[in-house]
Amino acid sequence: MDLHITPNAAARFPEGHDLYILTSNDGSNQFSSAAGCCMIGERFLITPIDEPLDPYNELVSSNQFTFFTSTYDQMFLTGHLILDVHPTSGTLILKNESGYLDTNLLLEASPQLKQMNV
């Protein structure tokens, strides 16, 4: 897996951050803003981090910035990933050679840890 970030998408990243997590936005982790499991593998988010943290210890090869993901997320993030800006909606899109993975990827400006109910 590798991630290519287009110049238009890179321009949206917050200043002052070089480390990021690419993860599911399906309610399965402490960064997710979603509350349900019906979105498994269909919504993703990128959030800046200050240092690597578990379980996000899988390095994602990228042309810009440093990204980590989890073993769990690797099930959904396969192939050659491209992060771009949709030409008409202006949203961030994540795609691979199979097509769109997310047409409205959430890019956080700062780390957004959520309280997990265990």
PDB file of N, CA and C in Angstrom:
ATOM      1  N   MET A   1       0.842  -1.177   0.000  1.00  0.00           N
ATOM      2  CA  MET A   1       0.000   0.000   0.000  1.00  0.00           C
ATOM      3  C   MET A   1       0.883   1.234   0.000  1.00  0.00           C
ATOM      4  N   ASP A   2       0.499   2.195  -0.822  1.00  0.00           N
ATOM      5  CA  ASP A   2       1.161   3.488  -0.823  1.00  0.00           C
ATOM      6  C   ASP A   2       0.110   4.568  -1.049  1.00  0.00           C
ATOM      7  N   LEU A   3       0.440   5.777  -0.635  1.00  0.00           N
ATOM      8  CA  LEU A   3      -0.501   6.892  -0.703  1.00  0.00           C
ATOM      9  C   LEU A   3       0.129   8.042  -1.470  1.00  0.00           C
ATOM     10  N   HIS A   4      -0.529   8.447  -2.548  1.00  0.00           N
ATOM     11  CA  HIS A   4      -0.113   9.619  -3.313  1.00  0.00           C
ATOM     12  C   HIS A   4      -1.089  10.746  -2.995  1.00  0.00           C
ATOM     13  N   ILE A   5      -0.541  11.873  -2.559  1.00  0.00           N
ATOM     14  CA  ILE A   5      -1.360  13.038  -2.236  1.00  0.00           C
ATOM     15  C   ILE A   5      -1.150  14.073  -3.326  1.00  0.00           C
ATOM     16  N   THR A   6      -2.229  14.476  -3.980  1.00  0.00           N
ATOM     17  CA  THR A   6      -2.125  15.475  -5.036  1.00  0.00           C
ATOM     18  C   THR A   6      -1.816  16.844  -4.413  1.00  0.00           C
ATOM     19  N   PRO A   7      -1.269  17.759  -5.192  1.00  0.00           N
ATOM     20  CA  PRO A   7      -1.001  19.114  -4.671  1.00  0.00           C
ATOM     21  C   PRO A   7      -2.264  19.799  -4.121  1.00  0.00           C
ATOM     22  N   ASN A   8      -3.405  19.620  -4.774  1.00  0.00           N
ATOM     23  CA  ASN A   8      -4.649  20.234  -4.286  1.00  0.00           C
ATOM     24  C   ASN A   8      -5.039  19.686  -2.923  1.00  0.00           C
ATOM     25  N   ALA A   9      -4.881  18.388  -2.734  1.00  0.00           N
ATOM     26  CA  ALA A   9      -5.199  17.785  -1.437  1.00  0.00           C
ATOM     27  C   ALA A   9      -4.174  18.198  -0.386  1.00  0.00           C
ATOM     28  N   ALA A  10      -2.905  18.231  -0.748  1.00  0.00           N
ATOM     29  CA  ALA A  10      -1.847  18.598   0.201  1.00  0.00           C
ATOM     30  C   ALA A  10      -2.052  20.017   0.736  1.00  0.00           C
ATOM     31  N   ALA A  11      -2.594  20.895  -0.081  1.00  0.00           N
ATOM     32  CA  ALA A  11      -2.828  22.278   0.332  1.00  0.00           C
ATOM     33  C   ALA A  11      -3.843  22.375   1.460  1.00  0.00           C
ATOM     34  N   ARG A  12      -4.641  21.346   1.673  1.00  0.00           N
ATOM     35  CA  ARG A  12      -5.663  21.355   2.720  1.00  0.00           C
ATOM     36  C   ARG A  12      -5.143  20.889   4.079  1.00  0.00           C
ATOM     37  N   PHE A  13      -3.946  20.335   4.108  1.00  0.00           N
ATOM     38  CA  PHE A  13      -3.414  19.811   5.359  1.00  0.00           C
ATOM     39  C   PHE A  13      -3.040  20.953   6.293  1.00  0.00           C
ATOM     40  N   PRO A  14      -3.265  20.760   7.607  1.00  0.00           N
ATOM     41  CA  PRO A  14      -2.950  21.824   8.560  1.00  0.00           C
ATOM     42  C   PRO A  14      -1.448  22.080   8.644  1.00  0.00           C
ATOM     43  N   GLU A  15      -1.088  23.329   8.811  1.00  0.00           N
ATOM     44  CA  GLU A  15       0.322  23.698   8.946  1.00  0.00           C
ATOM     45  C   GLU A  15       0.849  23.239  10.299  1.00  0.00           C
ATOM     46  N   GLY A  16       2.135  22.937  10.319  1.00  0.00           N
ATOM     47  CA  GLY A  16       2.773  22.580  11.582  1.00  0.00           C
ATOM     48  C   GLY A  16       2.702  21.115  11.945  1.00  0.00           C
ATOM     49  N   HIS A  17       2.172  20.288  11.055  1.00  0.00           N
ATOM     50  CA  HIS A  17       2.078  18.849  11.333  1.00  0.00           C
ATOM     51  C   HIS A  17       2.729  18.067  10.202  1.00  0.00           C
ATOM     52  N   ASP A  18       3.477  17.035  10.570  1.00  0.00           N
ATOM     53  CA  ASP A  18       4.094  16.154   9.585  1.00  0.00           C
ATOM     54  C   ASP A  18       3.698  14.700   9.779  1.00  0.00           C
ATOM     55  N   LEU A  19       3.207  14.339  10.975  1.00  0.00           N
ATOM     56  CA  LEU A  19       2.792  12.965  11.280  1.00  0.00           C
ATOM     57  C   LEU A  19       1.271  12.881  11.290  1.00  0.00           C
ATOM     58  N   TYR A  20       0.753  11.842  10.632  1.00  0.00           N
ATOM     59  CA  TYR A  20      -0.700  11.669  10.538  1.00  0.00           C
ATOM     60  C   TYR A  20      -1.080  10.202  10.689  1.00  0.00           C
ATOM     61  N   ILE A  21      -2.313  10.006  11.089  1.00  0.00           N
ATOM     62  CA  ILE A  21      -2.919   8.679  11.092  1.00  0.00           C
ATOM     63  C   ILE A  21      -3.992   8.661  10.013  1.00  0.00           C
ATOM     64  N   LEU A  22      -4.000   7.608   9.214  1.00  0.00           N
ATOM     65  CA  LEU A  22      -5.068   7.338   8.248  1.00  0.00           C
ATOM     66  C   LEU A  22      -5.826   6.150   8.804  1.00  0.00           C
ATOM     67  N   THR A  23      -7.092   6.358   9.134  1.00  0.00           N
ATOM     68  CA  THR A  23      -7.857   5.311   9.805  1.00  0.00           C
ATOM     69  C   THR A  23      -9.321   5.331   9.378  1.00  0.00           C
ATOM     70  N   SER A  24     -10.034   4.312   9.777  1.00  0.00           N
ATOM     71  CA  SER A  24     -11.469   4.203   9.497  1.00  0.00           C
ATOM     72  C   SER A  24     -12.241   5.240  10.301  1.00  0.00           C
ATOM     73  N   ASN A  25     -13.296   5.750   9.715  1.00  0.00           N
ATOM     74  CA  ASN A  25     -14.205   6.649  10.423  1.00  0.00           C
ATOM     75  C   ASN A  25     -15.550   5.931  10.529  1.00  0.00           C
ATOM     76  N   ASP A  26     -15.520   4.804  11.246  1.00  0.00           N
ATOM     77  CA  ASP A  26     -16.698   3.930  11.318  1.00  0.00           C
ATOM     78  C   ASP A  26     -17.103   3.596  12.749  1.00  0.00           C
ATOM     79  N   GLY A  27     -16.572   4.344  13.715  1.00  0.00           N
ATOM     80  CA  GLY A  27     -16.899   4.093  15.110  1.00  0.00           C
ATOM     81  C   GLY A  27     -16.018   3.051  15.768  1.00  0.00           C
ATOM     82  N   SER A  28     -15.000   2.562  15.059  1.00  0.00           N
ATOM     83  CA  SER A  28     -14.187   1.465  15.582  1.00  0.00           C
ATOM     84  C   SER A  28     -12.942   1.913  16.337  1.00  0.00           C
ATOM     85  N   ASN A  29     -12.706   3.215  16.435  1.00  0.00           N
ATOM     86  CA  ASN A  29     -11.476   3.669  17.082  1.00  0.00           C
ATOM     87  C   ASN A  29     -11.683   5.010  17.777  1.00  0.00           C
ATOM     88  N   GLN A  30     -10.664   5.427  18.527  1.00  0.00           N
ATOM     89  CA  GLN A  30     -10.772   6.633  19.351  1.00  0.00           C
ATOM     90  C   GLN A  30     -10.718   7.936  18.566  1.00  0.00           C
ATOM     91  N   PHE A  31     -10.482   7.877  17.265  1.00  0.00           N
ATOM     92  CA  PHE A  31     -10.471   9.092  16.444  1.00  0.00           C
ATOM     93  C   PHE A  31     -11.770   9.270  15.658  1.00  0.00           C
ATOM     94  N   SER A  32     -12.557   8.234  15.567  1.00  0.00           N
ATOM     95  CA  SER A  32     -13.739   8.231  14.716  1.00  0.00           C
ATOM     96  C   SER A  32     -14.829   9.168  15.223  1.00  0.00           C
ATOM     97  N   SER A  33     -15.435   9.885  14.275  1.00  0.00           N
ATOM     98  CA  SER A  33     -16.566  10.743  14.617  1.00  0.00           C
ATOM     99  C   SER A  33     -17.894  10.033  14.357  1.00  0.00           C
ATOM    100  N   ALA A  34     -17.838   8.834  13.786  1.00  0.00           N
ATOM    101  CA  ALA A  34     -19.049   8.071  13.470  1.00  0.00           C
ATOM    102  C   ALA A  34     -19.469   7.235  14.669  1.00  0.00           C
ATOM    103  N   ALA A  35     -20.746   6.896  14.697  1.00  0.00           N
ATOM    104  CA  ALA A  35     -21.258   6.142  15.841  1.00  0.00           C
ATOM    105  C   ALA A  35     -21.753   4.757  15.475  1.00  0.00           C
ATOM    106  N   GLY A  36     -21.672   4.359  14.226  1.00  0.00           N
ATOM    107  CA  GLY A  36     -22.236   3.065  13.861  1.00  0.00           C
ATOM    108  C   GLY A  36     -21.316   2.225  13.016  1.00  0.00           C
ATOM    109  N   CYS A  37     -21.553   0.935  13.043  1.00  0.00           N
ATOM    110  CA  CYS A  37     -20.695   0.008  12.314  1.00  0.00           C
ATOM    111  C   CYS A  37     -21.177  -0.232  10.883  1.00  0.00           C
ATOM    112  N   CYS A  38     -22.252   0.387  10.463  1.00  0.00           N
ATOM    113  CA  CYS A  38     -22.758   0.158   9.105  1.00  0.00           C
ATOM    114  C   CYS A  38     -21.868   0.809   8.050  1.00  0.00           C
ATOM    115  N   MET A  39     -20.863   1.564   8.476  1.00  0.00           N
ATOM    116  CA  MET A  39     -19.983   2.267   7.546  1.00  0.00           C
ATOM    117  C   MET A  39     -18.604   1.614   7.469  1.00  0.00           C
ATOM    118  N   ILE A  40     -18.463   0.409   7.952  1.00  0.00           N
ATOM    119  CA  ILE A  40     -17.160  -0.263   7.992  1.00  0.00           C
ATOM    120  C   ILE A  40     -16.555  -0.314   6.597  1.00  0.00           C
ATOM    121  N   GLY A  41     -15.350   0.210   6.479  1.00  0.00           N
ATOM    122  CA  GLY A  41     -14.631   0.191   5.221  1.00  0.00           C
ATOM    123  C   GLY A  41     -15.100   1.199   4.190  1.00  0.00           C
ATOM    124  N   GLU A  42     -16.013   2.110   4.568  1.00  0.00           N
ATOM    125  CA  GLU A  42     -16.556   3.076   3.609  1.00  0.00           C
ATOM    126  C   GLU A  42     -16.255   4.523   3.953  1.00  0.00           C
ATOM    127  N   ARG A  43     -15.783   4.788   5.160  1.00  0.00           N
ATOM    128  CA  ARG A  43     -15.459   6.157   5.566  1.00  0.00           C
ATOM    129  C   ARG A  43     -14.105   6.150   6.255  1.00  0.00           C
ATOM    130  N   PHE A  44     -13.323   7.189   5.952  1.00  0.00           N
ATOM    131  CA  PHE A  44     -11.982   7.273   6.510  1.00  0.00           C
ATOM    132  C   PHE A  44     -11.709   8.687   6.990  1.00  0.00           C
ATOM    133  N   LEU A  45     -10.680   8.798   7.815  1.00  0.00           N
ATOM    134  CA  LEU A  45     -10.264  10.110   8.288  1.00  0.00           C
ATOM    135  C   LEU A  45      -8.755  10.149   8.428  1.00  0.00           C
ATOM    136  N   ILE A  46      -8.244  11.366   8.379  1.00  0.00           N
ATOM    137  CA  ILE A  46      -6.836  11.626   8.621  1.00  0.00           C
ATOM    138  C   ILE A  46      -6.764  12.617   9.768  1.00  0.00           C
ATOM    139  N   THR A  47      -5.937  12.300  10.759  1.00  0.00           N
ATOM    140  CA  THR A  47      -5.773  13.196  11.897  1.00  0.00           C
ATOM    141  C   THR A  47      -4.291  13.346  12.210  1.00  0.00           C
ATOM    142  N   PRO A  48      -3.867  14.560  12.542  1.00  0.00           N
ATOM    143  CA  PRO A  48      -2.462  14.747  12.906  1.00  0.00           C
ATOM    144  C   PRO A  48      -2.172  14.152  14.281  1.00  0.00           C
ATOM    145  N   ILE A  49      -0.940  13.715  14.467  1.00  0.00           N
ATOM    146  CA  ILE A  49      -0.496  13.199  15.761  1.00  0.00           C
ATOM    147  C   ILE A  49       0.865  13.824  16.072  1.00  0.00           C
ATOM    148  N   ASP A  50       1.212  13.830  17.344  1.00  0.00           N
ATOM    149  CA  ASP A  50       2.509  14.363  17.761  1.00  0.00           C
ATOM    150  C   ASP A  50       3.592  13.293  17.732  1.00  0.00           C
ATOM    151  N   GLU A  51       3.178  12.051  17.947  1.00  0.00           N
ATOM    152  CA  GLU A  51       4.103  10.919  17.928  1.00  0.00           C
ATOM    153  C   GLU A  51       3.315   9.656  17.621  1.00  0.00           C
ATOM    154  N   PRO A  52       3.962   8.644  17.068  1.00  0.00           N
ATOM    155  CA  PRO A  52       3.253   7.388  16.768  1.00  0.00           C
ATOM    156  C   PRO A  52       2.618   6.801  18.027  1.00  0.00           C
ATOM    157  N   LEU A  53       1.465   6.165  17.855  1.00  0.00           N
ATOM    158  CA  LEU A  53       0.798   5.523  18.984  1.00  0.00           C
ATOM    159  C   LEU A  53       0.130   4.237  18.526  1.00  0.00           C
ATOM    160  N   ASP A  54       0.005   3.311  19.468  1.00  0.00           N
ATOM    161  CA  ASP A  54      -0.634   2.021  19.189  1.00  0.00           C
ATOM    162  C   ASP A  54      -2.126   2.213  19.027  1.00  0.00           C
ATOM    163  N   PRO A  55      -2.770   1.454  18.170  1.00  0.00           N
ATOM    164  CA  PRO A  55      -2.267   0.376  17.313  1.00  0.00           C
ATOM    165  C   PRO A  55      -1.837   0.861  15.930  1.00  0.00           C
ATOM    166  N   TYR A  56      -1.593   2.148  15.779  1.00  0.00           N
ATOM    167  CA  TYR A  56      -1.255   2.729  14.472  1.00  0.00           C
ATOM    168  C   TYR A  56       0.261   2.689  14.267  1.00  0.00           C
ATOM    169  N   ASN A  57       0.763   1.485  14.019  1.00  0.00           N
ATOM    170  CA  ASN A  57       2.200   1.303  13.895  1.00  0.00           C
ATOM    171  C   ASN A  57       2.626   0.814  12.511  1.00  0.00           C
ATOM    172  N   GLU A  58       1.693   0.801  11.571  1.00  0.00           N
ATOM    173  CA  GLU A  58       1.993   0.398  10.196  1.00  0.00           C
ATOM    174  C   GLU A  58       2.279   1.647   9.374  1.00  0.00           C
ATOM    175  N   LEU A  59       3.515   1.780   8.913  1.00  0.00           N
ATOM    176  CA  LEU A  59       3.909   2.939   8.125  1.00  0.00           C
ATOM    177  C   LEU A  59       3.316   2.848   6.718  1.00  0.00           C
ATOM    178  N   VAL A  60       2.736   3.945   6.254  1.00  0.00           N
ATOM    179  CA  VAL A  60       2.176   4.021   4.904  1.00  0.00           C
ATOM    180  C   VAL A  60       3.140   4.831   4.054  1.00  0.00           C
ATOM    181  N   SER A  61       3.634   4.230   2.992  1.00  0.00           N
ATOM    182  CA  SER A  61       4.523   4.947   2.078  1.00  0.00           C
ATOM    183  C   SER A  61       3.736   6.079   1.421  1.00  0.00           C
ATOM    184  N   SER A  62       4.299   7.299   1.452  1.00  0.00           N
ATOM    185  CA  SER A  62       3.584   8.454   0.916  1.00  0.00           C
ATOM    186  C   SER A  62       4.558   9.433   0.274  1.00  0.00           C
ATOM    187  N   ASN A  63       4.055  10.165  -0.717  1.00  0.00           N
ATOM    188  CA  ASN A  63       4.875  11.180  -1.366  1.00  0.00           C
ATOM    189  C   ASN A  63       4.960  12.473  -0.552  1.00  0.00           C
ATOM    190  N   GLN A  64       4.088  12.613   0.449  1.00  0.00           N
ATOM    191  CA  GLN A  64       4.107  13.787   1.321  1.00  0.00           C
ATOM    192  C   GLN A  64       3.731  13.370   2.729  1.00  0.00           C
ATOM    193  N   PHE A  65       4.351  13.957   3.706  1.00  0.00           N
ATOM    194  CA  PHE A  65       4.057  13.709   5.110  1.00  0.00           C
ATOM    195  C   PHE A  65       4.395  12.258   5.489  1.00  0.00           C
ATOM    196  N   THR A  66       4.207  11.935   6.759  1.00  0.00           N
ATOM    197  CA  THR A  66       4.410  10.584   7.262  1.00  0.00           C
ATOM    198  C   THR A  66       3.077  10.094   7.806  1.00  0.00           C
ATOM    199  N   PHE A  67       2.645   8.947   7.319  1.00  0.00           N
ATOM    200  CA  PHE A  67       1.361   8.380   7.705  1.00  0.00           C
ATOM    201  C   PHE A  67       1.540   7.028   8.363  1.00  0.00           C
ATOM    202  N   PHE A  68       0.685   6.791   9.365  1.00  0.00           N
ATOM    203  CA  PHE A  68       0.597   5.488   9.993  1.00  0.00           C
ATOM    204  C   PHE A  68      -0.851   5.023   9.927  1.00  0.00           C
ATOM    205  N   THR A  69      -1.035   3.720   9.903  1.00  0.00           N
ATOM    206  CA  THR A  69      -2.365   3.132   9.977  1.00  0.00           C
ATOM    207  C   THR A  69      -2.270   1.884  10.840  1.00  0.00           C
ATOM    208  N   SER A  70      -3.393   1.250  11.084  1.00  0.00           N
ATOM    209  CA  SER A  70      -3.414   0.034  11.906  1.00  0.00           C
ATOM    210  C   SER A  70      -3.522  -1.199  11.018  1.00  0.00           C
ATOM    211  N   THR A  71      -3.216  -2.326  11.596  1.00  0.00           N
ATOM    212  CA  THR A  71      -3.382  -3.601  10.885  1.00  0.00           C
ATOM    213  C   THR A  71      -4.841  -3.768  10.477  1.00  0.00           C
ATOM    214  N   TYR A  72      -5.768  -3.407  11.363  1.00  0.00           N
ATOM    215  CA  TYR A  72      -7.200  -3.480  11.060  1.00  0.00           C
ATOM    216  C   TYR A  72      -7.541  -2.661   9.819  1.00  0.00           C
ATOM    217  N   ASP A  73      -7.060  -1.428   9.764  1.00  0.00           N
ATOM    218  CA  ASP A  73      -7.392  -0.547   8.644  1.00  0.00           C
ATOM    219  C   ASP A  73      -6.780  -1.012   7.325  1.00  0.00           C
ATOM    220  N   GLN A  74      -5.697  -1.749   7.392  1.00  0.00           N
ATOM    221  CA  GLN A  74      -5.065  -2.237   6.172  1.00  0.00           C
ATOM    222  C   GLN A  74      -5.982  -3.156   5.372  1.00  0.00           C
ATOM    223  N   MET A  75      -6.979  -3.751   6.022  1.00  0.00           N
ATOM    224  CA  MET A  75      -7.953  -4.587   5.293  1.00  0.00           C
ATOM    225  C   MET A  75      -8.703  -3.768   4.245  1.00  0.00           C
ATOM    226  N   PHE A  76      -8.891  -2.483   4.509  1.00  0.00           N
ATOM    227  CA  PHE A  76      -9.694  -1.621   3.642  1.00  0.00           C
ATOM    228  C   PHE A  76      -8.838  -0.714   2.755  1.00  0.00           C
ATOM    229  N   LEU A  77      -7.617  -0.474   3.165  1.00  0.00           N
ATOM    230  CA  LEU A  77      -6.728   0.455   2.464  1.00  0.00           C
ATOM    231  C   LEU A  77      -5.724  -0.330   1.632  1.00  0.00           C
ATOM    232  N   THR A  78      -6.162  -0.793   0.501  1.00  0.00           N
ATOM    233  CA  THR A  78      -5.320  -1.654  -0.323  1.00  0.00           C
ATOM    234  C   THR A  78      -4.917  -0.962  -1.620  1.00  0.00           C
ATOM    235  N   GLY A  79      -3.831  -1.432  -2.191  1.00  0.00           N
ATOM    236  CA  GLY A  79      -3.403  -0.946  -3.494  1.00  0.00           C
ATOM    237  C   GLY A  79      -2.720   0.401  -3.433  1.00  0.00           C
ATOM    238  N   HIS A  80      -2.789   1.088  -4.546  1.00  0.00           N
ATOM    239  CA  HIS A  80      -2.180   2.409  -4.691  1.00  0.00           C
ATOM    240  C   HIS A  80      -3.235   3.462  -4.384  1.00  0.00           C
ATOM    241  N   LEU A  81      -3.167   4.046  -3.205  1.00  0.00           N
ATOM    242  CA  LEU A  81      -4.156   5.018  -2.753  1.00  0.00           C
ATOM    243  C   LEU A  81      -3.819   6.402  -3.292  1.00  0.00           C
ATOM    244  N   ILE A  82      -4.864   7.136  -3.617  1.00  0.00           N
ATOM    245  CA  ILE A  82      -4.715   8.522  -4.068  1.00  0.00           C
ATOM    246  C   ILE A  82      -5.673   9.380  -3.255  1.00  0.00           C
ATOM    247  N   LEU A  83      -5.130  10.451  -2.681  1.00  0.00           N
ATOM    248  CA  LEU A  83      -5.942  11.440  -1.983  1.00  0.00           C
ATOM    249  C   LEU A  83      -5.973  12.679  -2.863  1.00  0.00           C
ATOM    250  N   ASP A  84      -7.190  13.100  -3.222  1.00  0.00           N
ATOM    251  CA  ASP A  84      -7.361  14.205  -4.158  1.00  0.00           C
ATOM    252  C   ASP A  84      -8.564  15.030  -3.720  1.00  0.00           C
ATOM    253  N   VAL A  85      -8.812  16.097  -4.432  1.00  0.00           N
ATOM    254  CA  VAL A  85      -9.987  16.942  -4.208  1.00  0.00           C
ATOM    255  C   VAL A  85     -10.970  16.665  -5.341  1.00  0.00           C
ATOM    256  N   HIS A  86     -12.225  16.384  -4.986  1.00  0.00           N
ATOM    257  CA  HIS A  86     -13.256  16.119  -5.994  1.00  0.00           C
ATOM    258  C   HIS A  86     -13.463  17.384  -6.823  1.00  0.00           C
ATOM    259  N   PRO A  87     -13.498  17.256  -8.151  1.00  0.00           N
ATOM    260  CA  PRO A  87     -13.558  18.452  -9.018  1.00  0.00           C
ATOM    261  C   PRO A  87     -14.842  19.265  -8.903  1.00  0.00           C
ATOM    262  N   THR A  88     -15.947  18.653  -8.511  1.00  0.00           N
ATOM    263  CA  THR A  88     -17.188  19.431  -8.425  1.00  0.00           C
ATOM    264  C   THR A  88     -17.633  19.695  -6.990  1.00  0.00           C
ATOM    265  N   SER A  89     -17.490  18.719  -6.099  1.00  0.00           N
ATOM    266  CA  SER A  89     -17.961  18.917  -4.720  1.00  0.00           C
ATOM    267  C   SER A  89     -16.914  19.594  -3.840  1.00  0.00           C
ATOM    268  N   GLY A  90     -15.641  19.490  -4.217  1.00  0.00           N
ATOM    269  CA  GLY A  90     -14.585  20.096  -3.420  1.00  0.00           C
ATOM    270  C   GLY A  90     -14.206  19.300  -2.188  1.00  0.00           C
ATOM    271  N   THR A  91     -14.787  18.120  -2.008  1.00  0.00           N
ATOM    272  CA  THR A  91     -14.457  17.285  -0.859  1.00  0.00           C
ATOM    273  C   THR A  91     -13.180  16.505  -1.129  1.00  0.00           C
ATOM    274  N   LEU A  92     -12.552  16.038  -0.060  1.00  0.00           N
ATOM    275  CA  LEU A  92     -11.393  15.173  -0.217  1.00  0.00           C
ATOM    276  C   LEU A  92     -11.875  13.773  -0.564  1.00  0.00           C
ATOM    277  N   ILE A  93     -11.250  13.177  -1.564  1.00  0.00           N
ATOM    278  CA  ILE A  93     -11.621  11.825  -1.972  1.00  0.00           C
ATOM    279  C   ILE A  93     -10.413  10.908  -1.827  1.00  0.00           C
ATOM    280  N   LEU A  94     -10.693   9.702  -1.393  1.00  0.00           N
ATOM    281  CA  LEU A  94      -9.675   8.661  -1.288  1.00  0.00           C
ATOM    282  C   LEU A  94     -10.078   7.561  -2.252  1.00  0.00           C
ATOM    283  N   LYS A  95      -9.156   7.192  -3.131  1.00  0.00           N
ATOM    284  CA  LYS A  95      -9.473   6.162  -4.109  1.00  0.00           C
ATOM    285  C   LYS A  95      -8.254   5.279  -4.332  1.00  0.00           C
ATOM    286  N   ASN A  96      -8.514   4.141  -4.967  1.00  0.00           N
ATOM    287  CA  ASN A  96      -7.433   3.269  -5.418  1.00  0.00           C
ATOM    288  C   ASN A  96      -7.791   2.785  -6.815  1.00  0.00           C
ATOM    289  N   GLU A  97      -7.047   1.821  -7.336  1.00  0.00           N
ATOM    290  CA  GLU A  97      -7.305   1.371  -8.700  1.00  0.00           C
ATOM    291  C   GLU A  97      -8.668   0.701  -8.874  1.00  0.00           C
ATOM    292  N   SER A  98      -9.328   0.348  -7.784  1.00  0.00           N
ATOM    293  CA  SER A  98     -10.672  -0.246  -7.858  1.00  0.00           C
ATOM    294  C   SER A  98     -11.777   0.798  -7.886  1.00  0.00           C
ATOM    295  N   GLY A  99     -11.459   2.037  -7.512  1.00  0.00           N
ATOM    296  CA  GLY A  99     -12.464   3.101  -7.489  1.00  0.00           C
ATOM    297  C   GLY A  99     -12.413   3.884  -6.196  1.00  0.00           C
ATOM    298  N   TYR A 100     -13.502   4.587  -5.908  1.00  0.00           N
ATOM    299  CA  TYR A 100     -13.580   5.426  -4.716  1.00  0.00           C
ATOM    300  C   TYR A 100     -13.687   4.581  -3.459  1.00  0.00           C
ATOM    301  N   LEU A 101     -12.906   4.937  -2.437  1.00  0.00           N
ATOM    302  CA  LEU A 101     -13.036   4.348  -1.106  1.00  0.00           C
ATOM    303  C   LEU A 101     -13.847   5.267  -0.201  1.00  0.00           C
ATOM    304  N   ASP A 102     -13.677   6.577  -0.391  1.00  0.00           N
ATOM    305  CA  ASP A 102     -14.416   7.571   0.388  1.00  0.00           C
ATOM    306  C   ASP A 102     -14.490   8.856  -0.443  1.00  0.00           C
ATOM    307  N   THR A 103     -15.695   9.379  -0.606  1.00  0.00           N
ATOM    308  CA  THR A 103     -15.876  10.603  -1.392  1.00  0.00           C
ATOM    309  C   THR A 103     -15.992  11.847  -0.517  1.00  0.00           C
ATOM    310  N   ASN A 104     -15.796  11.674   0.794  1.00  0.00           N
ATOM    311  CA  ASN A 104     -15.858  12.811   1.719  1.00  0.00           C
ATOM    312  C   ASN A 104     -14.977  12.526   2.931  1.00  0.00           C
ATOM    313  N   LEU A 105     -13.691  12.303   2.670  1.00  0.00           N
ATOM    314  CA  LEU A 105     -12.755  11.979   3.736  1.00  0.00           C
ATOM    315  C   LEU A 105     -12.632  13.146   4.697  1.00  0.00           C
ATOM    316  N   LEU A 106     -12.615  12.839   5.980  1.00  0.00           N
ATOM    317  CA  LEU A 106     -12.498  13.856   7.022  1.00  0.00           C
ATOM    318  C   LEU A 106     -11.022  14.096   7.319  1.00  0.00           C
ATOM    319  N   LEU A 107     -10.580  15.335   7.215  1.00  0.00           N
ATOM    320  CA  LEU A 107      -9.222  15.731   7.560  1.00  0.00           C
ATOM    321  C   LEU A 107      -9.301  16.639   8.783  1.00  0.00           C
ATOM    322  N   GLU A 108      -8.824  16.134   9.905  1.00  0.00           N
ATOM    323  CA  GLU A 108      -8.863  16.896  11.154  1.00  0.00           C
ATOM    324  C   GLU A 108      -7.727  17.922  11.177  1.00  0.00           C
ATOM    325  N   ALA A 109      -7.981  19.084  11.740  1.00  0.00           N
ATOM    326  CA  ALA A 109      -6.962  20.122  11.856  1.00  0.00           C
ATOM    327  C   ALA A 109      -6.050  19.886  13.054  1.00  0.00           C
ATOM    328  N   SER A 110      -6.558  19.149  14.045  1.00  0.00           N
ATOM    329  CA  SER A 110      -5.780  18.824  15.240  1.00  0.00           C
ATOM    330  C   SER A 110      -6.256  17.464  15.750  1.00  0.00           C
ATOM    331  N   PRO A 111      -5.464  16.789  16.566  1.00  0.00           N
ATOM    332  CA  PRO A 111      -5.880  15.477  17.080  1.00  0.00           C
ATOM    333  C   PRO A 111      -7.222  15.556  17.798  1.00  0.00           C
ATOM    334  N   GLN A 112      -8.093  14.612  17.496  1.00  0.00           N
ATOM    335  CA  GLN A 112      -9.447  14.606  18.045  1.00  0.00           C
ATOM    336  C   GLN A 112      -9.749  13.254  18.683  1.00  0.00           C
ATOM    337  N   LEU A 113      -9.114  12.961  19.814  1.00  0.00           N
ATOM    338  CA  LEU A 113      -9.378  11.698  20.505  1.00  0.00           C
ATOM    339  C   LEU A 113     -10.782  11.691  21.085  1.00  0.00           C
ATOM    340  N   LYS A 114     -11.511  10.650  20.804  1.00  0.00           N
ATOM    341  CA  LYS A 114     -12.870  10.494  21.345  1.00  0.00           C
ATOM    342  C   LYS A 114     -12.843   9.514  22.498  1.00  0.00           C
ATOM    343  N   GLN A 115     -13.764   9.649  23.403  1.00  0.00           N
ATOM    344  CA  GLN A 115     -13.888   8.696  24.496  1.00  0.00           C
ATOM    345  C   GLN A 115     -14.527   7.417  23.963  1.00  0.00           C
ATOM    346  N   MET A 116     -13.858   6.293  24.169  1.00  0.00           N
ATOM    347  CA  MET A 116     -14.382   5.013  23.706  1.00  0.00           C
ATOM    348  C   MET A 116     -15.170   4.352  24.818  1.00  0.00           C
ATOM    349  N   ASN A 117     -16.357   3.831  24.484  1.00  0.00           N
ATOM    350  CA  ASN A 117     -17.141   3.052  25.443  1.00  0.00           C
ATOM    351  C   ASN A 117     -16.710   1.607  25.329  1.00  0.00           C
ATOM    352  N   VAL A 118     -16.247   1.059  26.419  1.00  0.00           N
ATOM    353  CA  VAL A 118     -15.757  -0.328  26.393  1.00  0.00           C
ATOM    354  C   VAL A 118     -16.720  -1.233  27.083  1.00  0.00           C
TER     355      VAL A 118
END
